[in-house]
Amino acid sequence: MCLGIPGQIVEITDAARMMAMAEVSGVRREVNVACIAGADLNEAVGKWALIHVGFAMSEIDEAEAAETLEALRHLGEAQEELEAMAAGQAALEDAR
C-alpha cells in the first residue's frame, strides 16, 4: 500500500531536474514535480499534491488536502491510543 501525504509546492529549486520545495505539515522537503508539472514549471507553485517517496504524484485541491491531513492526524491519535492501551494491558499481565 502506498500512502501519499498532502504537501503544497512552495518554490522551484531546480527547474532542469524538475525539483521543487514542498511543505508537508510544516516541514519542507525537496520533491520531483515531473508528474504534476505543465509547460511552465512555475505554475506548480502554490498547488497541492500527494507526496510519496520524494515525488509529487498527483495534484489535489486544497479541500482534499485539508481532509486528508485531518484524517492522518486522527489516525496518528488513534495509533497512540492503541499503543497506550496495549502498554496498559501488558503491565496488567506482568502484574499477575
PDB file of N, CA and C in Angstrom:
ATOM      1  N   MET A   1       0.844  -1.175   0.000  1.00  0.00           N
ATOM      2  CA  MET A   1       0.000   0.000   0.000  1.00  0.00           C
ATOM      3  C   MET A   1       0.888   1.236   0.000  1.00  0.00           C
ATOM      4  N   CYS A   2       0.527   2.201  -0.804  1.00  0.00           N
ATOM      5  CA  CYS A   2       1.244   3.474  -0.865  1.00  0.00           C
ATOM      6  C   CYS A   2       0.427   4.518  -0.130  1.00  0.00           C
ATOM      7  N   LEU A   3       1.119   5.410   0.517  1.00  0.00           N
ATOM      8  CA  LEU A   3       0.451   6.491   1.218  1.00  0.00           C
ATOM      9  C   LEU A   3       1.042   7.804   0.757  1.00  0.00           C
ATOM     10  N   GLY A   4       0.224   8.618   0.138  1.00  0.00           N
ATOM     11  CA  GLY A   4       0.656   9.943  -0.277  1.00  0.00           C
ATOM     12  C   GLY A   4       0.253  10.948   0.779  1.00  0.00           C
ATOM     13  N   ILE A   5       1.163  11.823   1.140  1.00  0.00           N
ATOM     14  CA  ILE A   5       0.914  12.850   2.139  1.00  0.00           C
ATOM     15  C   ILE A   5       0.711  14.174   1.411  1.00  0.00           C
ATOM     16  N   PRO A   6      -0.358  14.916   1.722  1.00  0.00           N
ATOM     17  CA  PRO A   6      -0.569  16.200   1.049  1.00  0.00           C
ATOM     18  C   PRO A   6       0.527  17.194   1.386  1.00  0.00           C
ATOM     19  N   GLY A   7       1.019  17.860   0.354  1.00  0.00           N
ATOM     20  CA  GLY A   7       2.009  18.911   0.526  1.00  0.00           C
ATOM     21  C   GLY A   7       1.756  20.007  -0.487  1.00  0.00           C
ATOM     22  N   GLN A   8       2.150  21.217  -0.131  1.00  0.00           N
ATOM     23  CA  GLN A   8       1.979  22.349  -1.032  1.00  0.00           C
ATOM     24  C   GLN A   8       3.331  22.728  -1.627  1.00  0.00           C
ATOM     25  N   ILE A   9       3.367  22.885  -2.930  1.00  0.00           N
ATOM     26  CA  ILE A   9       4.585  23.291  -3.619  1.00  0.00           C
ATOM     27  C   ILE A   9       4.799  24.779  -3.329  1.00  0.00           C
ATOM     28  N   VAL A  10       5.969  25.114  -2.754  1.00  0.00           N
ATOM     29  CA  VAL A  10       6.203  26.497  -2.339  1.00  0.00           C
ATOM     30  C   VAL A  10       7.252  27.218  -3.178  1.00  0.00           C
ATOM     31  N   GLU A  11       8.136  26.472  -3.856  1.00  0.00           N
ATOM     32  CA  GLU A  11       9.109  27.119  -4.738  1.00  0.00           C
ATOM     33  C   GLU A  11       9.757  26.080  -5.643  1.00  0.00           C
ATOM     34  N   ILE A  12      10.243  26.556  -6.774  1.00  0.00           N
ATOM     35  CA  ILE A  12      11.005  25.713  -7.692  1.00  0.00           C
ATOM     36  C   ILE A  12      12.467  25.823  -7.269  1.00  0.00           C
ATOM     37  N   THR A  13      13.123  24.688  -7.058  1.00  0.00           N
ATOM     38  CA  THR A  13      14.517  24.718  -6.607  1.00  0.00           C
ATOM     39  C   THR A  13      15.506  24.385  -7.719  1.00  0.00           C
ATOM     40  N   ASP A  14      15.093  23.583  -8.698  1.00  0.00           N
ATOM     41  CA  ASP A  14      15.978  23.214  -9.808  1.00  0.00           C
ATOM     42  C   ASP A  14      15.098  22.848 -10.999  1.00  0.00           C
ATOM     43  N   ALA A  15      14.848  23.825 -11.848  1.00  0.00           N
ATOM     44  CA  ALA A  15      13.938  23.621 -12.987  1.00  0.00           C
ATOM     45  C   ALA A  15      14.442  22.538 -13.929  1.00  0.00           C
ATOM     46  N   ALA A  16      15.733  22.474 -14.153  1.00  0.00           N
ATOM     47  CA  ALA A  16      16.291  21.476 -15.079  1.00  0.00           C
ATOM     48  C   ALA A  16      16.004  20.052 -14.617  1.00  0.00           C
ATOM     49  N   ARG A  17      16.021  19.831 -13.311  1.00  0.00           N
ATOM     50  CA  ARG A  17      15.755  18.494 -12.751  1.00  0.00           C
ATOM     51  C   ARG A  17      14.299  18.333 -12.319  1.00  0.00           C
ATOM     52  N   MET A  18      13.473  19.378 -12.536  1.00  0.00           N
ATOM     53  CA  MET A  18      12.057  19.397 -12.150  1.00  0.00           C
ATOM     54  C   MET A  18      11.885  19.183 -10.648  1.00  0.00           C
ATOM     55  N   MET A  19      12.722  19.858  -9.878  1.00  0.00           N
ATOM     56  CA  MET A  19      12.679  19.747  -8.421  1.00  0.00           C
ATOM     57  C   MET A  19      12.071  21.009  -7.824  1.00  0.00           C
ATOM     58  N   ALA A  20      11.312  20.801  -6.765  1.00  0.00           N
ATOM     59  CA  ALA A  20      10.654  21.912  -6.077  1.00  0.00           C
ATOM     60  C   ALA A  20      10.667  21.645  -4.579  1.00  0.00           C
ATOM     61  N   MET A  21      10.429  22.699  -3.813  1.00  0.00           N
ATOM     62  CA  MET A  21      10.306  22.574  -2.375  1.00  0.00           C
ATOM     63  C   MET A  21       8.824  22.453  -2.058  1.00  0.00           C
ATOM     64  N   ALA A  22       8.488  21.420  -1.300  1.00  0.00           N
ATOM     65  CA  ALA A  22       7.102  21.213  -0.875  1.00  0.00           C
ATOM     66  C   ALA A  22       7.049  21.319   0.638  1.00  0.00           C
ATOM     67  N   GLU A  23       5.983  21.914   1.133  1.00  0.00           N
ATOM     68  CA  GLU A  23       5.772  21.986   2.576  1.00  0.00           C
ATOM     69  C   GLU A  23       4.730  20.935   2.951  1.00  0.00           C
ATOM     70  N   VAL A  24       5.152  20.040   3.830  1.00  0.00           N
ATOM     71  CA  VAL A  24       4.298  18.940   4.272  1.00  0.00           C
ATOM     72  C   VAL A  24       4.150  19.057   5.783  1.00  0.00           C
ATOM     73  N   SER A  25       2.988  19.480   6.238  1.00  0.00           N
ATOM     74  CA  SER A  25       2.711  19.645   7.668  1.00  0.00           C
ATOM     75  C   SER A  25       3.780  20.477   8.364  1.00  0.00           C
ATOM     76  N   GLY A  26       4.174  21.579   7.748  1.00  0.00           N
ATOM     77  CA  GLY A  26       5.143  22.485   8.348  1.00  0.00           C
ATOM     78  C   GLY A  26       6.596  22.131   8.098  1.00  0.00           C
ATOM     79  N   VAL A  27       6.850  20.996   7.472  1.00  0.00           N
ATOM     80  CA  VAL A  27       8.210  20.560   7.174  1.00  0.00           C
ATOM     81  C   VAL A  27       8.435  20.711   5.676  1.00  0.00           C
ATOM     82  N   ARG A  28       9.554  21.322   5.317  1.00  0.00           N
ATOM     83  CA  ARG A  28       9.866  21.499   3.895  1.00  0.00           C
ATOM     84  C   ARG A  28      10.821  20.415   3.427  1.00  0.00           C
ATOM     85  N   ARG A  29      10.524  19.883   2.244  1.00  0.00           N
ATOM     86  CA  ARG A  29      11.392  18.878   1.644  1.00  0.00           C
ATOM     87  C   ARG A  29      11.360  19.029   0.134  1.00  0.00           C
ATOM     88  N   GLU A  30      12.464  18.658  -0.476  1.00  0.00           N
ATOM     89  CA  GLU A  30      12.564  18.771  -1.930  1.00  0.00           C
ATOM     90  C   GLU A  30      11.906  17.555  -2.579  1.00  0.00           C
ATOM     91  N   VAL A  31      11.098  17.816  -3.608  1.00  0.00           N
ATOM     92  CA  VAL A  31      10.402  16.753  -4.316  1.00  0.00           C
ATOM     93  C   VAL A  31      10.502  16.968  -5.820  1.00  0.00           C
ATOM     94  N   ASN A  32      10.342  15.898  -6.555  1.00  0.00           N
ATOM     95  CA  ASN A  32      10.308  15.961  -8.012  1.00  0.00           C
ATOM     96  C   ASN A  32       8.857  16.220  -8.419  1.00  0.00           C
ATOM     97  N   VAL A  33       8.647  17.202  -9.293  1.00  0.00           N
ATOM     98  CA  VAL A  33       7.290  17.575  -9.706  1.00  0.00           C
ATOM     99  C   VAL A  33       6.969  17.189 -11.150  1.00  0.00           C
ATOM    100  N   ALA A  34       7.744  16.292 -11.731  1.00  0.00           N
ATOM    101  CA  ALA A  34       7.534  15.904 -13.131  1.00  0.00           C
ATOM    102  C   ALA A  34       6.126  15.373 -13.382  1.00  0.00           C
ATOM    103  N   CYS A  35       5.545  14.696 -12.405  1.00  0.00           N
ATOM    104  CA  CYS A  35       4.213  14.100 -12.598  1.00  0.00           C
ATOM    105  C   CYS A  35       3.090  15.131 -12.605  1.00  0.00           C
ATOM    106  N   ILE A  36       3.320  16.300 -12.029  1.00  0.00           N
ATOM    107  CA  ILE A  36       2.253  17.306 -11.964  1.00  0.00           C
ATOM    108  C   ILE A  36       2.565  18.575 -12.748  1.00  0.00           C
ATOM    109  N   ALA A  37       3.785  18.693 -13.258  1.00  0.00           N
ATOM    110  CA  ALA A  37       4.207  19.934 -13.911  1.00  0.00           C
ATOM    111  C   ALA A  37       3.649  20.061 -15.318  1.00  0.00           C
ATOM    112  N   GLY A  38       3.342  21.288 -15.663  1.00  0.00           N
ATOM    113  CA  GLY A  38       2.952  21.603 -17.024  1.00  0.00           C
ATOM    114  C   GLY A  38       4.142  22.197 -17.756  1.00  0.00           C
ATOM    115  N   ALA A  39       3.849  22.892 -18.839  1.00  0.00           N
ATOM    116  CA  ALA A  39       4.923  23.505 -19.636  1.00  0.00           C
ATOM    117  C   ALA A  39       5.682  24.557 -18.841  1.00  0.00           C
ATOM    118  N   ASP A  40       4.958  25.321 -18.009  1.00  0.00           N
ATOM    119  CA  ASP A  40       5.594  26.334 -17.163  1.00  0.00           C
ATOM    120  C   ASP A  40       5.673  25.786 -15.747  1.00  0.00           C
ATOM    121  N   LEU A  41       6.859  25.383 -15.352  1.00  0.00           N
ATOM    122  CA  LEU A  41       7.074  24.772 -14.042  1.00  0.00           C
ATOM    123  C   LEU A  41       6.626  25.685 -12.903  1.00  0.00           C
ATOM    124  N   ASN A  42       6.745  26.991 -13.086  1.00  0.00           N
ATOM    125  CA  ASN A  42       6.368  27.935 -12.033  1.00  0.00           C
ATOM    126  C   ASN A  42       4.873  27.891 -11.714  1.00  0.00           C
ATOM    127  N   GLU A  43       4.065  27.359 -12.622  1.00  0.00           N
ATOM    128  CA  GLU A  43       2.633  27.240 -12.356  1.00  0.00           C
ATOM    129  C   GLU A  43       2.342  26.210 -11.268  1.00  0.00           C
ATOM    130  N   ALA A  44       3.303  25.361 -10.946  1.00  0.00           N
ATOM    131  CA  ALA A  44       3.118  24.369  -9.885  1.00  0.00           C
ATOM    132  C   ALA A  44       3.183  25.000  -8.496  1.00  0.00           C
ATOM    133  N   VAL A  45       3.841  26.159  -8.404  1.00  0.00           N
ATOM    134  CA  VAL A  45       3.964  26.828  -7.106  1.00  0.00           C
ATOM    135  C   VAL A  45       2.578  27.208  -6.589  1.00  0.00           C
ATOM    136  N   GLY A  46       2.314  26.834  -5.346  1.00  0.00           N
ATOM    137  CA  GLY A  46       1.015  27.100  -4.727  1.00  0.00           C
ATOM    138  C   GLY A  46       0.052  25.941  -4.824  1.00  0.00           C
ATOM    139  N   LYS A  47       0.332  24.986  -5.693  1.00  0.00           N
ATOM    140  CA  LYS A  47      -0.556  23.841  -5.858  1.00  0.00           C
ATOM    141  C   LYS A  47      -0.324  22.808  -4.753  1.00  0.00           C
ATOM    142  N   TRP A  48      -1.355  22.024  -4.496  1.00  0.00           N
ATOM    143  CA  TRP A  48      -1.279  20.924  -3.543  1.00  0.00           C
ATOM    144  C   TRP A  48      -1.107  19.624  -4.311  1.00  0.00           C
ATOM    145  N   ALA A  49      -0.329  18.724  -3.746  1.00  0.00           N
ATOM    146  CA  ALA A  49      -0.089  17.433  -4.391  1.00  0.00           C
ATOM    147  C   ALA A  49       0.046  16.362  -3.322  1.00  0.00           C
ATOM    148  N   LEU A  50      -0.185  15.123  -3.742  1.00  0.00           N
ATOM    149  CA  LEU A  50       0.107  13.989  -2.874  1.00  0.00           C
ATOM    150  C   LEU A  50       1.578  13.656  -3.058  1.00  0.00           C
ATOM    151  N   ILE A  51       2.337  13.695  -1.968  1.00  0.00           N
ATOM    152  CA  ILE A  51       3.783  13.472  -1.991  1.00  0.00           C
ATOM    153  C   ILE A  51       4.058  12.047  -1.509  1.00  0.00           C
ATOM    154  N   HIS A  52       4.865  11.321  -2.290  1.00  0.00           N
ATOM    155  CA  HIS A  52       5.230   9.952  -1.918  1.00  0.00           C
ATOM    156  C   HIS A  52       6.669   9.704  -2.366  1.00  0.00           C
ATOM    157  N   VAL A  53       7.503   9.286  -1.445  1.00  0.00           N
ATOM    158  CA  VAL A  53       8.926   8.978  -1.663  1.00  0.00           C
ATOM    159  C   VAL A  53       9.644   9.999  -2.555  1.00  0.00           C
ATOM    160  N   GLY A  54       9.435  11.273  -2.242  1.00  0.00           N
ATOM    161  CA  GLY A  54      10.163  12.321  -2.948  1.00  0.00           C
ATOM    162  C   GLY A  54       9.570  12.769  -4.264  1.00  0.00           C
ATOM    163  N   PHE A  55       8.367  12.321  -4.565  1.00  0.00           N
ATOM    164  CA  PHE A  55       7.700  12.706  -5.808  1.00  0.00           C
ATOM    165  C   PHE A  55       6.327  13.287  -5.517  1.00  0.00           C
ATOM    166  N   ALA A  56       5.981  14.365  -6.205  1.00  0.00           N
ATOM    167  CA  ALA A  56       4.618  14.884  -6.195  1.00  0.00           C
ATOM    168  C   ALA A  56       3.861  14.031  -7.213  1.00  0.00           C
ATOM    169  N   MET A  57       3.091  13.071  -6.717  1.00  0.00           N
ATOM    170  CA  MET A  57       2.488  12.051  -7.587  1.00  0.00           C
ATOM    171  C   MET A  57       1.250  12.534  -8.341  1.00  0.00           C
ATOM    172  N   SER A  58       0.405  13.306  -7.667  1.00  0.00           N
ATOM    173  CA  SER A  58      -0.800  13.797  -8.331  1.00  0.00           C
ATOM    174  C   SER A  58      -1.248  15.080  -7.660  1.00  0.00           C
ATOM    175  N   GLU A  59      -1.842  15.939  -8.452  1.00  0.00           N
ATOM    176  CA  GLU A  59      -2.342  17.207  -7.932  1.00  0.00           C
ATOM    177  C   GLU A  59      -3.695  16.976  -7.264  1.00  0.00           C
ATOM    178  N   ILE A  60      -3.900  17.641  -6.133  1.00  0.00           N
ATOM    179  CA  ILE A  60      -5.188  17.595  -5.446  1.00  0.00           C
ATOM    180  C   ILE A  60      -5.592  19.027  -5.113  1.00  0.00           C
ATOM    181  N   ASP A  61      -6.875  19.215  -4.793  1.00  0.00           N
ATOM    182  CA  ASP A  61      -7.291  20.571  -4.431  1.00  0.00           C
ATOM    183  C   ASP A  61      -7.082  20.791  -2.932  1.00  0.00           C
ATOM    184  N   GLU A  62      -7.166  22.030  -2.520  1.00  0.00           N
ATOM    185  CA  GLU A  62      -6.872  22.395  -1.131  1.00  0.00           C
ATOM    186  C   GLU A  62      -7.830  21.731  -0.145  1.00  0.00           C
ATOM    187  N   ALA A  63      -9.103  21.600  -0.523  1.00  0.00           N
ATOM    188  CA  ALA A  63     -10.078  20.966   0.371  1.00  0.00           C
ATOM    189  C   ALA A  63      -9.730  19.496   0.594  1.00  0.00           C
ATOM    190  N   GLU A  64      -9.366  18.804  -0.470  1.00  0.00           N
ATOM    191  CA  GLU A  64      -8.983  17.394  -0.344  1.00  0.00           C
ATOM    192  C   GLU A  64      -7.720  17.259   0.501  1.00  0.00           C
ATOM    193  N   ALA A  65      -6.778  18.192   0.322  1.00  0.00           N
ATOM    194  CA  ALA A  65      -5.552  18.179   1.120  1.00  0.00           C
ATOM    195  C   ALA A  65      -5.892  18.330   2.606  1.00  0.00           C
ATOM    196  N   ALA A  66      -6.764  19.273   2.935  1.00  0.00           N
ATOM    197  CA  ALA A  66      -7.146  19.508   4.329  1.00  0.00           C
ATOM    198  C   ALA A  66      -7.838  18.287   4.924  1.00  0.00           C
ATOM    199  N   GLU A  67      -8.740  17.675   4.171  1.00  0.00           N
ATOM    200  CA  GLU A  67      -9.440  16.471   4.648  1.00  0.00           C
ATOM    201  C   GLU A  67      -8.465  15.323   4.895  1.00  0.00           C
ATOM    202  N   THR A  68      -7.531  15.141   3.983  1.00  0.00           N
ATOM    203  CA  THR A  68      -6.562  14.057   4.113  1.00  0.00           C
ATOM    204  C   THR A  68      -5.641  14.292   5.311  1.00  0.00           C
ATOM    205  N   LEU A  69      -5.177  15.531   5.487  1.00  0.00           N
ATOM    206  CA  LEU A  69      -4.323  15.837   6.632  1.00  0.00           C
ATOM    207  C   LEU A  69      -5.060  15.605   7.948  1.00  0.00           C
ATOM    208  N   GLU A  70      -6.329  15.975   8.006  1.00  0.00           N
ATOM    209  CA  GLU A  70      -7.131  15.753   9.221  1.00  0.00           C
ATOM    210  C   GLU A  70      -7.296  14.260   9.493  1.00  0.00           C
ATOM    211  N   ALA A  71      -7.565  13.478   8.448  1.00  0.00           N
ATOM    212  CA  ALA A  71      -7.693  12.028   8.620  1.00  0.00           C
ATOM    213  C   ALA A  71      -6.382  11.421   9.120  1.00  0.00           C
ATOM    214  N   LEU A  72      -5.268  11.890   8.589  1.00  0.00           N
ATOM    215  CA  LEU A  72      -3.962  11.384   9.031  1.00  0.00           C
ATOM    216  C   LEU A  72      -3.695  11.747  10.491  1.00  0.00           C
ATOM    217  N   ARG A  73      -4.120  12.947  10.908  1.00  0.00           N
ATOM    218  CA  ARG A  73      -3.968  13.340  12.310  1.00  0.00           C
ATOM    219  C   ARG A  73      -4.763  12.396  13.211  1.00  0.00           C
ATOM    220  N   HIS A  74      -5.996  12.109  12.802  1.00  0.00           N
ATOM    221  CA  HIS A  74      -6.845  11.204  13.587  1.00  0.00           C
ATOM    222  C   HIS A  74      -6.247   9.801  13.656  1.00  0.00           C
ATOM    223  N   LEU A  75      -5.686   9.337  12.554  1.00  0.00           N
ATOM    224  CA  LEU A  75      -5.046   8.019  12.556  1.00  0.00           C
ATOM    225  C   LEU A  75      -3.869   7.989  13.524  1.00  0.00           C
ATOM    226  N   GLY A  76      -3.094   9.058  13.551  1.00  0.00           N
ATOM    227  CA  GLY A  76      -1.967   9.149  14.475  1.00  0.00           C
ATOM    228  C   GLY A  76      -2.424   9.134  15.915  1.00  0.00           C
ATOM    229  N   GLU A  77      -3.502   9.875  16.209  1.00  0.00           N
ATOM    230  CA  GLU A  77      -4.038   9.894  17.568  1.00  0.00           C
ATOM    231  C   GLU A  77      -4.580   8.518  17.954  1.00  0.00           C
ATOM    232  N   ALA A  78      -5.264   7.852  17.021  1.00  0.00           N
ATOM    233  CA  ALA A  78      -5.793   6.518  17.299  1.00  0.00           C
ATOM    234  C   ALA A  78      -4.661   5.532  17.540  1.00  0.00           C
ATOM    235  N   GLN A  79      -3.589   5.648  16.756  1.00  0.00           N
ATOM    236  CA  GLN A  79      -2.440   4.758  16.932  1.00  0.00           C
ATOM    237  C   GLN A  79      -1.816   4.948  18.313  1.00  0.00           C
ATOM    238  N   GLU A  80      -1.678   6.197  18.738  1.00  0.00           N
ATOM    239  CA  GLU A  80      -1.120   6.484  20.060  1.00  0.00           C
ATOM    240  C   GLU A  80      -2.002   5.887  21.154  1.00  0.00           C
ATOM    241  N   GLU A  81      -3.320   6.015  20.990  1.00  0.00           N
ATOM    242  CA  GLU A  81      -4.250   5.470  21.977  1.00  0.00           C
ATOM    243  C   GLU A  81      -4.166   3.943  22.024  1.00  0.00           C
ATOM    244  N   LEU A  82      -4.089   3.310  20.862  1.00  0.00           N
ATOM    245  CA  LEU A  82      -3.961   1.854  20.821  1.00  0.00           C
ATOM    246  C   LEU A  82      -2.658   1.390  21.468  1.00  0.00           C
ATOM    247  N   GLU A  83      -1.577   2.112  21.228  1.00  0.00           N
ATOM    248  CA  GLU A  83      -0.298   1.755  21.838  1.00  0.00           C
ATOM    249  C   GLU A  83      -0.353   1.910  23.352  1.00  0.00           C
ATOM    250  N   ALA A  84      -1.029   2.963  23.835  1.00  0.00           N
ATOM    251  CA  ALA A  84      -1.173   3.166  25.281  1.00  0.00           C
ATOM    252  C   ALA A  84      -2.011   2.061  25.894  1.00  0.00           C
ATOM    253  N   MET A  85      -3.069   1.662  25.204  1.00  0.00           N
ATOM    254  CA  MET A  85      -3.917   0.564  25.699  1.00  0.00           C
ATOM    255  C   MET A  85      -3.121  -0.736  25.751  1.00  0.00           C
ATOM    256  N   ALA A  86      -2.333  -1.000  24.721  1.00  0.00           N
ATOM    257  CA  ALA A  86      -1.524  -2.220  24.682  1.00  0.00           C
ATOM    258  C   ALA A  86      -0.497  -2.214  25.804  1.00  0.00           C
ATOM    259  N   ALA A  87       0.117  -1.068  26.058  1.00  0.00           N
ATOM    260  CA  ALA A  87       1.094  -0.963  27.142  1.00  0.00           C
ATOM    261  C   ALA A  87       0.422  -1.189  28.483  1.00  0.00           C
ATOM    262  N   GLY A  88      -0.769  -0.649  28.662  1.00  0.00           N
ATOM    263  CA  GLY A  88      -1.522  -0.852  29.907  1.00  0.00           C
ATOM    264  C   GLY A  88      -1.888  -2.310  30.103  1.00  0.00           C
ATOM    265  N   GLN A  89      -2.301  -2.962  29.034  1.00  0.00           N
ATOM    266  CA  GLN A  89      -2.659  -4.391  29.099  1.00  0.00           C
ATOM    267  C   GLN A  89      -1.424  -5.227  29.436  1.00  0.00           C
ATOM    268  N   ALA A  90      -0.299  -4.916  28.835  1.00  0.00           N
ATOM    269  CA  ALA A  90       0.947  -5.647  29.120  1.00  0.00           C
ATOM    270  C   ALA A  90       1.358  -5.464  30.574  1.00  0.00           C
ATOM    271  N   ALA A  91       1.171  -4.259  31.110  1.00  0.00           N
ATOM    272  CA  ALA A  91       1.506  -4.001  32.515  1.00  0.00           C
ATOM    273  C   ALA A  91       0.606  -4.806  33.435  1.00  0.00           C
ATOM    274  N   LEU A  92      -0.676  -4.917  33.094  1.00  0.00           N
ATOM    275  CA  LEU A  92      -1.603  -5.727  33.901  1.00  0.00           C
ATOM    276  C   LEU A  92      -1.215  -7.201  33.889  1.00  0.00           C
ATOM    277  N   GLU A  93      -0.848  -7.690  32.712  1.00  0.00           N
ATOM    278  CA  GLU A  93      -0.466  -9.091  32.602  1.00  0.00           C
ATOM    279  C   GLU A  93       0.841  -9.362  33.356  1.00  0.00           C
ATOM    280  N   ASP A  94       1.756  -8.404  33.342  1.00  0.00           N
ATOM    281  CA  ASP A  94       3.007  -8.559  34.081  1.00  0.00           C
ATOM    282  C   ASP A  94       2.771  -8.562  35.588  1.00  0.00           C
ATOM    283  N   ALA A  95       1.766  -7.796  36.021  1.00  0.00           N
ATOM    284  CA  ALA A  95       1.468  -7.716  37.446  1.00  0.00           C
ATOM    285  C   ALA A  95       0.841  -8.990  37.983  1.00  0.00           C
ATOM    286  N   ARG A  96       0.236  -9.784  37.139  1.00  0.00           N
ATOM    287  CA  ARG A  96      -0.431 -11.026  37.571  1.00  0.00           C
ATOM    288  C   ARG A  96       0.568 -12.030  37.896  1.00  0.00           C
TER     289      ARG A  96
END
